[in-house]
N, C-alpha and C. Protein backbone atom coordinates (compact mmCIF):
# COMPACT_ATOMS: atom_id res chain seq x y z
N UNK A 1 2.55 13.95 23.56
CA UNK A 1 3.87 13.44 23.32
C UNK A 1 3.96 12.99 22.11
N UNK A 2 5.19 12.93 21.62
CA UNK A 2 5.82 12.62 20.44
C UNK A 2 6.01 10.99 20.16
N UNK A 3 5.81 10.82 18.78
CA UNK A 3 6.09 9.03 18.56
C UNK A 3 7.40 8.82 18.93
N UNK A 4 8.26 9.58 18.98
CA UNK A 4 9.42 9.15 19.43
C UNK A 4 10.03 9.03 21.06
N UNK A 5 8.84 9.50 21.62
CA UNK A 5 9.12 9.78 23.32
C UNK A 5 8.15 8.42 23.47
N UNK A 6 7.11 8.14 22.52
CA UNK A 6 6.22 7.00 23.35
C UNK A 6 7.34 5.68 22.97
N UNK A 7 8.37 5.79 21.69
CA UNK A 7 8.91 4.51 21.68
C UNK A 7 9.98 4.42 22.55
N UNK A 8 10.26 5.31 23.83
CA UNK A 8 11.25 4.89 24.41
C UNK A 8 10.27 3.84 25.63
N UNK A 9 9.19 3.97 25.46
CA UNK A 9 8.27 2.98 26.50
C UNK A 9 7.73 1.74 25.85
N UNK A 10 7.49 1.87 24.63
CA UNK A 10 6.77 0.80 23.88
C UNK A 10 8.22 -0.15 22.92
N UNK A 11 9.19 0.60 22.78
CA UNK A 11 9.73 -0.14 22.02
C UNK A 11 10.03 0.04 20.58
N UNK A 12 8.35 0.32 20.08
CA UNK A 12 8.01 0.44 18.72
C UNK A 12 7.25 1.46 18.52
N UNK A 13 7.13 2.05 17.48
CA UNK A 13 6.24 3.29 16.91
C UNK A 13 5.61 2.33 15.79
N UNK A 14 3.97 3.02 15.83
CA UNK A 14 3.58 2.69 14.20
C UNK A 14 3.47 3.68 13.33
N UNK A 15 4.11 3.39 12.18
CA UNK A 15 4.14 4.33 11.00
C UNK A 15 3.41 3.52 9.74
N UNK A 16 3.20 4.43 8.46
CA UNK A 16 2.61 3.96 7.40
C UNK A 16 3.64 4.70 6.67
N UNK A 17 4.66 4.17 5.83
CA UNK A 17 5.43 4.99 5.14
C UNK A 17 6.00 3.81 4.34
N UNK A 18 6.19 4.26 2.85
CA UNK A 18 6.50 3.20 2.03
C UNK A 18 8.30 3.22 1.89
N UNK A 19 8.81 2.28 2.25
CA UNK A 19 10.49 2.13 2.08
C UNK A 19 10.89 1.17 0.79
N UNK A 20 11.94 1.48 0.46
CA UNK A 20 12.53 0.52 -1.01
C UNK A 20 13.15 -0.56 -0.16
N UNK A 21 13.02 -1.78 -0.40
CA UNK A 21 13.43 -3.00 -0.23
C UNK A 21 14.16 -3.59 -1.13
N UNK A 22 15.36 -3.99 -0.65
CA UNK A 22 16.17 -4.63 -1.83
C UNK A 22 17.11 -6.05 -1.50
N UNK A 23 16.40 -6.96 -1.56
CA UNK A 23 16.49 -8.21 -1.48
C UNK A 23 18.00 -8.53 -2.17
N UNK A 24 18.97 -9.27 -1.65
CA UNK A 24 20.14 -9.82 -1.90
C UNK A 24 20.05 -10.70 -3.22
N UNK A 25 20.54 -10.06 -4.24
CA UNK A 25 20.48 -10.55 -5.79
C UNK A 25 19.08 -10.54 -6.44
N UNK A 26 18.26 -9.83 -6.28
CA UNK A 26 17.04 -9.31 -6.30
C UNK A 26 16.76 -7.93 -6.84
N UNK A 27 15.82 -7.59 -7.73
CA UNK A 27 15.57 -6.35 -7.97
C UNK A 27 14.89 -5.58 -6.91
N UNK A 28 15.12 -4.24 -6.70
CA UNK A 28 14.58 -3.42 -5.82
C UNK A 28 12.84 -3.31 -5.80
N UNK A 29 12.17 -3.24 -4.68
CA UNK A 29 10.73 -3.17 -4.63
C UNK A 29 10.29 -2.17 -3.36
N UNK A 30 8.81 -1.84 -3.50
CA UNK A 30 8.78 -1.04 -2.46
C UNK A 30 7.64 -1.84 -1.54
N UNK A 31 7.96 -1.45 0.01
CA UNK A 31 6.73 -2.12 0.64
C UNK A 31 6.24 -1.06 1.68
N UNK A 32 5.41 -1.41 2.52
CA UNK A 32 5.13 -0.49 3.46
C UNK A 32 5.23 -0.78 5.35
N UNK A 33 5.93 0.26 5.75
CA UNK A 33 6.16 -0.27 7.30
C UNK A 33 5.29 0.03 7.93
N UNK A 34 5.02 -0.83 8.60
CA UNK A 34 3.44 -0.77 9.82
C UNK A 34 4.26 -0.48 11.53
N UNK A 35 5.52 -0.60 11.42
CA UNK A 35 5.95 -0.01 12.68
C UNK A 35 7.57 -0.26 12.83
N UNK A 36 8.27 0.28 13.85
CA UNK A 36 9.72 0.23 13.63
C UNK A 36 10.50 0.54 14.74
N UNK A 37 11.40 -0.15 15.18
CA UNK A 37 11.73 0.07 16.52
C UNK A 37 13.51 0.41 16.28
N UNK A 38 14.34 0.33 17.09
CA UNK A 38 15.76 0.46 17.23
C UNK A 38 16.05 -0.46 16.47
N UNK A 39 15.86 -1.95 16.56
CA UNK A 39 16.28 -3.25 16.37
C UNK A 39 15.67 -3.76 15.04
N UNK A 40 15.04 -2.98 14.24
CA UNK A 40 14.04 -3.94 13.54
C UNK A 40 12.71 -3.02 12.84
N UNK A 41 12.21 -3.70 12.09
CA UNK A 41 10.51 -3.36 11.56
C UNK A 41 9.81 -4.08 11.03
N UNK A 42 8.40 -3.87 10.82
CA UNK A 42 7.57 -5.13 10.45
C UNK A 42 7.31 -4.30 9.30
N UNK A 43 7.09 -5.13 8.17
CA UNK A 43 6.32 -4.67 6.66
C UNK A 43 5.14 -5.30 6.29
N UNK A 44 4.43 -4.50 5.80
CA UNK A 44 3.05 -4.86 5.37
C UNK A 44 2.93 -4.85 3.82
N UNK A 45 2.36 -5.77 3.08
CA UNK A 45 2.16 -5.70 1.72
C UNK A 45 3.35 -5.60 1.24
N UNK A 46 4.21 -6.62 1.67
CA UNK A 46 5.63 -6.67 1.27
C UNK A 46 5.68 -8.00 0.47
N UNK A 47 6.76 -8.30 -0.66
CA UNK A 47 7.01 -9.52 -1.26
C UNK A 47 7.11 -10.70 -0.11
N UNK A 48 7.03 -11.51 -0.52
CA UNK A 48 7.04 -12.68 0.36
C UNK A 48 8.70 -13.25 0.42
N UNK A 49 9.60 -13.16 1.44
CA UNK A 49 11.29 -13.67 1.60
C UNK A 49 11.20 -14.57 2.49
N UNK A 50 11.90 -15.49 1.95
CA UNK A 50 12.29 -16.56 3.36
C UNK A 50 12.71 -16.23 4.28
N UNK A 51 12.43 -16.62 5.57
CA UNK A 51 12.90 -16.40 6.60
C UNK A 51 14.56 -16.60 6.42
N UNK A 52 15.59 -15.73 6.98
CA UNK A 52 16.94 -15.76 7.10
C UNK A 52 17.15 -14.91 5.71
N UNK A 53 16.36 -14.47 4.82
CA UNK A 53 17.04 -13.55 3.82
C UNK A 53 17.68 -12.31 3.94
N UNK A 54 18.76 -11.95 3.67
CA UNK A 54 19.56 -10.90 4.09
C UNK A 54 18.87 -9.45 3.04
N UNK A 55 18.87 -8.68 3.39
CA UNK A 55 18.16 -7.75 2.67
C UNK A 55 18.66 -6.35 2.80
N UNK A 56 18.45 -5.18 2.15
CA UNK A 56 18.92 -3.80 2.32
C UNK A 56 17.61 -3.07 2.33
N UNK A 57 17.69 -1.76 3.28
CA UNK A 57 15.94 -1.27 3.32
C UNK A 57 16.87 0.20 2.84
N UNK A 58 15.91 1.16 2.06
CA UNK A 58 15.86 2.45 2.06
C UNK A 58 14.70 3.35 2.59
N UNK A 59 15.42 4.17 3.55
CA UNK A 59 13.92 4.74 4.41
C UNK A 59 14.21 6.02 4.43
N UNK A 60 13.19 6.84 3.86
CA UNK A 60 13.23 8.23 4.06
C UNK A 60 12.76 8.85 5.40
N UNK A 61 13.85 9.71 5.78
CA UNK A 61 13.42 10.14 7.10
C UNK A 61 11.99 11.12 7.10
N UNK A 62 11.48 11.68 7.91
CA UNK A 62 10.45 12.09 8.37
C UNK A 62 10.70 13.76 7.72
N UNK A 63 9.70 14.42 6.82
CA UNK A 63 9.94 15.66 6.29
C UNK A 63 11.17 15.44 5.35
N UNK A 64 11.65 14.57 4.78
CA UNK A 64 12.97 14.50 3.80
C UNK A 64 12.88 15.36 2.89
N UNK A 65 14.34 15.72 2.25
CA UNK A 65 14.26 16.75 1.25
C UNK A 65 14.80 15.93 0.28
N UNK A 66 14.62 16.12 -1.04
CA UNK A 66 14.86 15.53 -2.46
C UNK A 66 16.15 14.77 -2.25
N UNK A 67 16.74 13.37 -2.37
CA UNK A 67 17.41 12.87 -2.30
C UNK A 67 18.00 12.06 -1.13
N UNK A 68 17.55 12.79 0.10
CA UNK A 68 17.51 12.05 1.68
C UNK A 68 17.11 10.74 1.55
N UNK A 69 18.21 10.01 2.76
CA UNK A 69 17.65 8.34 2.72
C UNK A 69 18.77 7.92 3.76
N UNK A 70 17.98 6.91 4.46
CA UNK A 70 18.72 6.23 5.61
C UNK A 70 18.86 5.22 5.03
N UNK A 71 20.09 4.20 4.89
CA UNK A 71 20.40 3.06 4.52
C UNK A 71 20.84 2.03 5.52
N UNK A 72 19.84 0.85 5.72
CA UNK A 72 20.45 -0.14 6.40
C UNK A 72 20.10 -1.54 6.29
N UNK A 73 21.06 -2.65 6.64
CA UNK A 73 20.93 -3.79 6.61
C UNK A 73 19.87 -4.43 7.53
N UNK A 74 19.54 -5.64 6.95
CA UNK A 74 18.92 -6.29 8.13
C UNK A 74 18.64 -8.03 7.31
N UNK A 75 17.87 -8.81 8.31
CA UNK A 75 17.66 -9.98 8.08
C UNK A 75 16.01 -10.37 8.15
N UNK A 76 15.42 -10.91 7.35
CA UNK A 76 14.35 -11.53 7.68
C UNK A 76 13.92 -12.30 8.63
N UNK A 77 13.45 -11.95 9.80
CA UNK A 77 12.93 -13.11 10.96
C UNK A 77 12.12 -13.83 11.07
N UNK A 78 10.73 -12.99 10.18
CA UNK A 78 9.51 -13.55 10.23
C UNK A 78 8.76 -13.30 9.27
N UNK A 79 7.69 -14.09 8.72
CA UNK A 79 6.94 -13.72 7.35
C UNK A 79 5.64 -14.58 7.54
N UNK A 80 4.76 -13.93 8.16
CA UNK A 80 3.41 -14.62 7.85
C UNK A 80 2.22 -13.46 7.76
N UNK A 81 1.07 -14.27 8.27
CA UNK A 81 -0.10 -13.13 8.05
C UNK A 81 -0.09 -11.79 8.58
N UNK A 82 0.73 -11.58 9.44
CA UNK A 82 0.87 -10.32 10.25
C UNK A 82 1.97 -9.54 9.62
N UNK A 83 2.61 -10.21 8.32
CA UNK A 83 3.88 -9.01 8.00
C UNK A 83 4.97 -9.86 7.86
N UNK A 84 5.88 -9.14 7.46
CA UNK A 84 7.50 -9.63 7.20
C UNK A 84 8.08 -8.79 8.58
N UNK A 85 8.86 -9.60 8.94
CA UNK A 85 9.24 -8.74 10.02
C UNK A 85 11.21 -9.03 9.95
N UNK A 86 11.71 -7.66 9.86
CA UNK A 86 13.03 -7.60 9.70
C UNK A 86 13.87 -7.17 10.70
N UNK A 87 15.00 -7.68 11.08
CA UNK A 87 15.93 -7.23 12.02
C UNK A 87 17.19 -6.84 11.43
N UNK A 88 17.21 -5.37 12.21
CA UNK A 88 18.77 -4.87 11.47
C UNK A 88 19.89 -5.42 11.67
N UNK A 89 21.12 -5.44 11.23
CA UNK A 89 22.34 -5.97 11.47
C UNK A 89 22.86 -5.20 12.14
N UNK A 90 22.50 -3.57 12.38
CA UNK A 90 23.19 -2.89 13.52
C UNK A 90 22.20 -2.09 13.92
N UNK A 91 21.72 -2.19 15.55
CA UNK A 91 20.95 -1.23 16.05
C UNK A 91 20.66 0.41 15.51
N UNK A 92 19.79 0.45 15.43
CA UNK A 92 19.91 2.29 14.80
C UNK A 92 20.32 2.99 15.99
N UNK A 93 21.05 4.16 15.71
CA UNK A 93 21.52 5.22 16.44
C UNK A 93 20.34 6.25 17.10
N UNK A 94 20.32 6.71 18.06
CA UNK A 94 19.05 7.32 18.47
C UNK A 94 18.62 8.60 17.80
N UNK A 95 19.82 9.12 17.00
CA UNK A 95 19.35 10.40 16.09
C UNK A 95 18.65 9.69 14.78
N UNK A 96 19.31 8.56 14.37
CA UNK A 96 18.51 8.29 13.17
C UNK A 96 17.20 7.66 13.09
N UNK A 97 17.10 6.94 14.72
CA UNK A 97 15.88 6.60 14.51
C UNK A 97 14.97 7.35 14.81
N UNK A 98 15.27 8.57 15.49
CA UNK A 98 14.28 9.79 15.71
C UNK A 98 13.96 10.50 14.32
N UNK A 99 14.80 10.42 13.18
CA UNK A 99 14.55 11.24 12.23
C UNK A 99 13.60 10.11 11.38
N UNK A 100 13.58 8.89 11.55
CA UNK A 100 12.59 7.98 11.50
C UNK A 100 11.03 8.07 11.72
N UNK A 101 11.38 8.12 13.27
CA UNK A 101 9.96 7.94 13.98
C UNK A 101 9.49 9.15 14.07
N UNK A 102 9.77 10.50 13.68
CA UNK A 102 8.76 11.51 13.49
C UNK A 102 7.95 11.71 12.57
N UNK A 103 7.13 10.56 12.38
CA UNK A 103 6.29 10.20 11.45
C UNK A 103 4.77 10.21 12.11
N UNK A 104 3.95 10.66 11.58
CA UNK A 104 2.50 10.95 11.92
C UNK A 104 1.95 9.08 12.62
N UNK A 105 1.39 9.10 13.43
CA UNK A 105 1.17 7.42 14.03
C UNK A 105 -0.26 7.51 13.06
N UNK A 106 -0.49 6.28 12.66
CA UNK A 106 -1.49 6.00 11.34
C UNK A 106 -2.17 4.81 11.90
N UNK A 107 -3.61 4.66 12.35
CA UNK A 107 -4.53 3.56 12.33
C UNK A 107 -4.36 2.82 10.94
N UNK A 108 -5.07 1.58 11.28
CA UNK A 108 -5.59 0.53 10.06
C UNK A 108 -6.19 1.46 9.06
N UNK A 109 -7.10 2.16 9.72
CA UNK A 109 -8.18 3.05 8.77
C UNK A 109 -7.47 4.07 8.04
N UNK A 110 -6.44 4.67 8.53
CA UNK A 110 -5.73 5.59 7.96
C UNK A 110 -4.75 4.87 6.89
N UNK A 111 -4.36 3.98 7.16
CA UNK A 111 -3.34 3.33 6.33
C UNK A 111 -4.25 2.75 5.05
N UNK A 112 -5.37 2.32 4.92
CA UNK A 112 -6.25 1.93 3.99
C UNK A 112 -6.82 2.97 3.61
N UNK A 113 -6.76 4.33 4.04
CA UNK A 113 -7.29 5.37 2.95
C UNK A 113 -5.99 6.16 2.50
N UNK A 114 -4.61 5.78 2.84
CA UNK A 114 -3.55 6.19 2.35
C UNK A 114 -3.26 5.60 1.09
N UNK A 115 -3.62 3.95 1.02
CA UNK A 115 -3.58 3.20 -0.04
C UNK A 115 -4.49 3.65 -1.00
N UNK A 116 -5.95 3.88 -0.85
CA UNK A 116 -6.52 4.70 -1.69
C UNK A 116 -6.25 5.96 -2.35
N UNK A 117 -5.81 6.90 -1.50
CA UNK A 117 -4.90 8.12 -2.01
C UNK A 117 -4.13 7.99 -2.86
N UNK A 118 -3.23 6.68 -2.69
CA UNK A 118 -1.83 6.54 -3.64
C UNK A 118 -2.46 6.01 -4.76
N UNK A 119 -3.40 5.37 -4.76
CA UNK A 119 -4.07 4.68 -5.88
C UNK A 119 -4.67 5.79 -6.92
N UNK A 120 -5.28 6.59 -6.43
CA UNK A 120 -6.00 7.84 -7.22
C UNK A 120 -5.19 8.75 -7.45
N UNK A 121 -3.88 8.91 -6.96
CA UNK A 121 -2.79 9.65 -7.38
C UNK A 121 -2.04 9.44 -8.51
N UNK A 122 -2.16 7.93 -8.65
CA UNK A 122 -1.33 7.19 -9.81
C UNK A 122 -2.44 7.30 -10.88
N UNK A 123 -3.54 6.51 -10.70
CA UNK A 123 -4.48 6.80 -11.84
C UNK A 123 -4.86 8.16 -12.66
N UNK A 124 -4.48 9.05 -11.91
CA UNK A 124 -5.03 10.38 -12.48
C UNK A 124 -3.68 11.14 -13.40
N UNK A 125 -2.22 10.24 -13.20
CA UNK A 125 -1.28 10.60 -13.67
C UNK A 125 -1.30 9.79 -15.56
N UNK A 126 -1.21 10.90 -16.21
CA UNK A 126 -0.83 10.63 -17.99
C UNK A 126 -0.31 9.14 -17.68
N UNK A 127 0.83 8.86 -17.29
CA UNK A 127 1.76 7.73 -17.65
C UNK A 127 1.46 7.00 -16.32
N UNK A 128 0.80 7.28 -15.60
CA UNK A 128 0.53 6.46 -14.06
C UNK A 128 2.17 6.62 -13.50
N UNK A 129 2.78 7.88 -13.17
CA UNK A 129 3.97 7.91 -12.73
C UNK A 129 3.49 7.43 -11.34
N UNK A 130 4.81 6.96 -10.37
CA UNK A 130 4.60 6.93 -8.90
C UNK A 130 4.07 5.63 -8.74
N UNK A 131 3.63 4.44 -9.64
CA UNK A 131 2.89 3.49 -9.34
C UNK A 131 3.79 2.58 -8.59
N UNK A 132 5.32 2.51 -9.31
CA UNK A 132 6.18 1.70 -8.34
C UNK A 132 6.83 1.63 -6.67
N UNK A 133 6.73 3.22 -6.89
CA UNK A 133 7.30 3.75 -5.82
C UNK A 133 5.66 3.58 -4.50
N UNK A 134 4.68 4.24 -4.94
CA UNK A 134 3.34 4.41 -4.27
C UNK A 134 3.12 2.67 -3.86
N UNK A 135 2.82 2.35 -4.92
CA UNK A 135 2.15 0.57 -5.35
C UNK A 135 2.62 -0.55 -5.21
N UNK A 136 4.14 -0.30 -5.48
CA UNK A 136 5.00 -1.69 -6.15
C UNK A 136 4.84 -2.23 -7.21
N UNK A 137 4.23 -1.90 -8.32
CA UNK A 137 4.03 -2.26 -9.29
C UNK A 137 4.38 -1.30 -10.29
N UNK A 138 4.76 -1.70 -11.59
CA UNK A 138 5.38 -0.55 -12.80
C UNK A 138 4.14 -0.14 -13.39
N UNK A 139 4.59 1.08 -14.19
CA UNK A 139 3.45 1.73 -14.90
C UNK A 139 2.62 1.16 -15.79
N UNK A 140 3.17 -0.01 -16.54
CA UNK A 140 2.47 -0.90 -17.52
C UNK A 140 1.72 -1.93 -16.77
N UNK A 141 2.05 -2.53 -15.69
CA UNK A 141 1.46 -3.30 -15.00
C UNK A 141 0.20 -2.64 -14.41
N UNK A 142 0.18 -1.45 -13.98
CA UNK A 142 -0.80 -0.75 -13.43
C UNK A 142 -2.01 -0.64 -14.42
N UNK A 143 -1.50 -0.10 -15.53
CA UNK A 143 -2.37 0.28 -16.75
C UNK A 143 -3.31 -1.00 -17.35
N UNK A 144 -2.60 -2.36 -17.29
CA UNK A 144 -3.53 -3.35 -17.54
C UNK A 144 -4.00 -3.87 -16.58
N UNK A 145 -3.90 -3.70 -15.46
CA UNK A 145 -4.97 -4.36 -14.54
C UNK A 145 -6.04 -3.15 -14.48
N UNK A 146 -6.09 -1.65 -14.18
CA UNK A 146 -6.62 -0.59 -14.22
C UNK A 146 -7.86 -0.90 -15.47
N UNK A 147 -7.30 -1.04 -16.66
CA UNK A 147 -8.17 -1.01 -17.72
C UNK A 147 -8.75 -2.39 -17.64
N UNK A 148 -8.33 -3.68 -17.16
CA UNK A 148 -9.09 -4.91 -17.15
C UNK A 148 -10.32 -4.50 -16.20
N UNK A 149 -10.08 -4.16 -15.09
CA UNK A 149 -11.05 -4.28 -13.72
C UNK A 149 -11.96 -2.96 -14.24
N UNK A 150 -11.49 -2.13 -14.94
CA UNK A 150 -12.54 -0.95 -15.11
C UNK A 150 -13.63 -1.51 -16.43
N UNK A 151 -12.97 -2.23 -17.20
CA UNK A 151 -13.89 -3.17 -18.20
C UNK A 151 -14.78 -3.84 -17.64
N UNK A 152 -14.34 -4.81 -16.65
CA UNK A 152 -15.16 -5.85 -16.14
C UNK A 152 -16.21 -5.33 -15.42
N UNK A 153 -16.12 -3.97 -14.79
CA UNK A 153 -16.80 -3.43 -13.69
C UNK A 153 -18.04 -2.86 -14.12
N UNK A 154 -18.10 -2.19 -15.32
CA UNK A 154 -19.01 -1.62 -16.11
C UNK A 154 -20.30 -2.44 -16.10
N UNK A 155 -19.90 -3.73 -16.72
CA UNK A 155 -21.34 -4.75 -16.71
C UNK A 155 -22.00 -4.78 -15.40
N UNK A 156 -20.94 -5.11 -14.50
CA UNK A 156 -21.21 -5.42 -13.14
C UNK A 156 -22.02 -4.18 -12.46
N UNK A 157 -21.64 -3.04 -12.91
CA UNK A 157 -22.00 -1.87 -12.11
C UNK A 157 -23.57 -1.76 -12.81
N UNK A 158 -23.89 -1.83 -13.72
CA UNK A 158 -25.05 -1.83 -14.42
C UNK A 158 -26.13 -3.06 -14.45
N UNK A 159 -25.76 -4.30 -14.43
CA UNK A 159 -26.35 -5.25 -14.44
C UNK A 159 -27.38 -5.29 -13.47
N UNK A 160 -27.14 -5.37 -12.01
CA UNK A 160 -28.23 -5.04 -11.15
C UNK A 160 -29.52 -4.17 -11.17
N UNK A 161 -29.19 -3.13 -11.45
CA UNK A 161 -30.12 -1.97 -11.46
C UNK A 161 -30.90 -2.15 -12.97
N UNK A 162 -30.23 -3.14 -14.10
CA UNK A 162 -31.15 -3.51 -15.07
C UNK A 162 -32.12 -4.30 -14.99
N UNK A 163 -31.54 -5.38 -14.30
CA UNK A 163 -32.32 -6.79 -13.82
C UNK A 163 -33.68 -6.08 -12.92
N UNK A 164 -33.57 -5.37 -11.79
CA UNK A 164 -34.44 -5.00 -10.96
C UNK A 164 -35.19 -3.75 -11.42
N UNK A 165 -35.04 -3.13 -12.66
CA UNK A 165 -35.62 -1.77 -13.12
C UNK A 165 -37.32 -2.25 -13.29
N UNK A 166 -37.59 -3.36 -13.68
CA UNK A 166 -38.97 -3.56 -13.75
C UNK A 166 -39.76 -4.02 -12.26
N UNK A 167 -38.88 -4.28 -11.41
CA UNK A 167 -39.84 -4.55 -10.07
C UNK A 167 -39.87 -3.38 -9.36
N UNK A 168 -39.04 -2.71 -9.55
CA UNK A 168 -39.22 -1.03 -8.90
C UNK A 168 -40.22 -0.02 -9.36
N UNK A 169 -41.30 -0.67 -9.81
CA UNK A 169 -42.23 0.24 -10.83
C UNK A 169 -42.98 1.37 -10.03
N UNK A 170 -42.85 1.28 -8.59
CA UNK A 170 -43.41 2.07 -7.87
C UNK A 170 -42.36 3.79 -7.50
N UNK A 171 -41.12 3.17 -8.03
CA UNK A 171 -40.14 4.23 -7.79
C UNK A 171 -40.01 5.04 -9.44
N UNK A 172 -40.18 6.57 -9.10
CA UNK A 172 -40.11 7.12 -10.58
C UNK A 172 -38.82 6.94 -11.21
N UNK A 173 -39.15 7.22 -12.40
CA UNK A 173 -37.97 6.96 -13.15
C UNK A 173 -36.43 7.82 -12.97
N UNK A 174 -36.75 8.97 -12.38
CA UNK A 174 -35.61 9.91 -12.23
C UNK A 174 -34.96 9.47 -11.14
N UNK A 175 -35.75 8.71 -10.28
CA UNK A 175 -34.96 8.36 -8.87
C UNK A 175 -34.22 7.33 -9.05
N UNK A 176 -34.83 6.21 -10.35
CA UNK A 176 -33.76 4.94 -10.44
C UNK A 176 -32.78 5.32 -11.27
N UNK A 177 -32.97 6.80 -12.18
CA UNK A 177 -31.62 7.05 -12.84
C UNK A 177 -30.58 7.55 -11.52
N UNK A 178 -31.05 8.01 -10.70
CA UNK A 178 -30.20 8.99 -9.81
C UNK A 178 -29.64 7.36 -8.91
N UNK A 179 -30.31 6.74 -8.65
CA UNK A 179 -29.95 5.34 -7.97
C UNK A 179 -28.71 4.69 -8.86
N UNK A 180 -28.85 4.49 -10.05
CA UNK A 180 -28.18 3.89 -10.99
C UNK A 180 -26.50 4.70 -10.79
N UNK A 181 -26.77 6.06 -10.95
CA UNK A 181 -25.58 6.62 -10.97
C UNK A 181 -24.69 6.42 -9.54
N UNK A 182 -25.59 6.57 -8.33
CA UNK A 182 -25.02 6.35 -7.07
C UNK A 182 -24.40 5.22 -6.95
N UNK A 183 -24.92 3.87 -7.62
CA UNK A 183 -24.46 2.70 -7.49
C UNK A 183 -23.38 2.30 -8.29
N UNK A 184 -23.17 2.85 -9.46
CA UNK A 184 -22.03 2.64 -10.55
C UNK A 184 -20.89 3.84 -9.61
N UNK A 185 -21.33 5.05 -9.26
CA UNK A 185 -20.32 5.32 -8.36
C UNK A 185 -19.48 4.46 -7.40
N UNK A 186 -20.20 3.82 -6.53
CA UNK A 186 -19.60 3.12 -5.65
C UNK A 186 -18.57 2.11 -6.35
N UNK A 187 -19.04 1.43 -7.28
CA UNK A 187 -18.12 0.55 -7.73
C UNK A 187 -17.01 1.04 -8.28
N UNK A 188 -17.13 1.90 -8.88
CA UNK A 188 -15.81 2.83 -9.51
C UNK A 188 -15.01 3.72 -8.62
N UNK A 189 -15.65 4.04 -7.56
CA UNK A 189 -14.81 4.67 -6.39
C UNK A 189 -14.12 3.87 -5.23
N UNK A 190 -14.94 2.55 -5.21
CA UNK A 190 -14.51 1.94 -4.18
C UNK A 190 -14.17 0.45 -4.39
N UNK A 191 -15.05 0.00 -5.05
CA UNK A 191 -14.90 -1.86 -5.13
C UNK A 191 -13.81 -1.94 -6.27
N UNK A 192 -13.59 -1.10 -7.29
CA UNK A 192 -12.54 -1.22 -8.49
C UNK A 192 -11.11 -1.20 -7.83
N UNK A 193 -11.16 0.03 -6.95
CA UNK A 193 -9.96 0.44 -6.62
C UNK A 193 -9.32 -0.87 -5.29
N UNK A 194 -10.36 -1.23 -4.66
CA UNK A 194 -10.04 -2.54 -3.81
C UNK A 194 -9.50 -3.50 -4.44
N UNK A 195 -10.19 -3.68 -5.67
CA UNK A 195 -9.82 -4.90 -6.46
C UNK A 195 -8.28 -4.80 -7.04
N UNK A 196 -8.01 -3.73 -7.52
CA UNK A 196 -6.80 -3.29 -8.00
C UNK A 196 -5.74 -3.54 -6.96
N UNK A 197 -5.83 -2.89 -5.78
CA UNK A 197 -4.74 -3.06 -4.71
C UNK A 197 -4.85 -4.29 -4.51
N UNK A 198 -5.84 -5.00 -4.43
CA UNK A 198 -5.36 -6.50 -4.22
C UNK A 198 -4.76 -7.42 -5.13
N UNK A 199 -4.94 -6.95 -6.17
CA UNK A 199 -4.18 -7.78 -7.56
C UNK A 199 -2.51 -7.08 -7.58
N UNK A 200 -2.55 -5.85 -7.06
CA UNK A 200 -1.20 -5.71 -7.27
C UNK A 200 -0.23 -6.00 -6.01
N UNK A 201 -1.01 -6.51 -4.97
CA UNK A 201 -0.41 -7.26 -3.87
C UNK A 201 -0.13 -8.61 -4.31
N UNK A 202 -0.99 -9.14 -4.83
CA UNK A 202 -0.48 -10.76 -5.26
C UNK A 202 0.69 -10.50 -6.66
N UNK A 203 0.62 -9.58 -7.17
CA UNK A 203 1.60 -9.50 -8.53
C UNK A 203 2.93 -8.84 -7.79
N UNK A 204 2.91 -8.04 -6.97
CA UNK A 204 4.41 -7.97 -6.27
C UNK A 204 4.73 -9.07 -5.33
N UNK A 205 4.03 -9.97 -4.86
CA UNK A 205 4.46 -11.05 -4.25
C UNK A 205 4.76 -12.23 -5.25
N UNK A 206 4.62 -12.06 -6.27
CA UNK A 206 4.78 -13.40 -7.35
C UNK A 206 6.02 -13.10 -7.86
N UNK A 207 6.36 -11.75 -8.22
CA UNK A 207 7.51 -11.25 -8.48
C UNK A 207 8.65 -11.79 -7.93
N UNK A 208 8.51 -12.19 -6.80
CA UNK A 208 9.82 -12.22 -5.70
C UNK A 208 9.76 -13.80 -6.11
N UNK A 209 9.23 -14.81 -6.53
CA UNK A 209 8.99 -15.93 -6.56
C UNK A 209 9.41 -16.39 -7.88
N UNK A 210 9.35 -15.41 -9.01
CA UNK A 210 9.90 -15.80 -10.15
C UNK A 210 11.40 -16.07 -10.57
């Protein structure tokens, strides 16, 4: 059964897809959709907007071609630890909802994996292109946060091994070196991206309160 067929029963479907959020009188940014129904959607990692705030959403349909988009208007009806709920001004037509709903359902772990994948996509680009669309921060902000956390992670990744090296006298030096590289790899491949993604979320929220 497809996600669209499921939605006829449960009323909403889970998706994990970035959309452009345009609050009235403010600059556009990007947020992640957690689920969507004919009457509204729930955003995660979104800027904090007061209940009652009007906004527009630009939603790319599944398998969209370049330039394709669905524009809807709505109002924030809830904003709490579970996310920001937006009610559409007009209920989506069935064909429009189906175009959006044809997205593969994603679990929480899949969403986290997608965030990591987006992070590494941006970090591998020379000018950090795509940071605004995928992570909700400008390339200059991404560069500052990335370089700062990378610099701070170097001593944190080395210090524990350096402190414990003398107490591990029974372990061969070659194994200590392998352990050091493995520990550092965990820091730079898992912990640093997690720290950066958390900072990006805070910065994105504060930008809407400035």
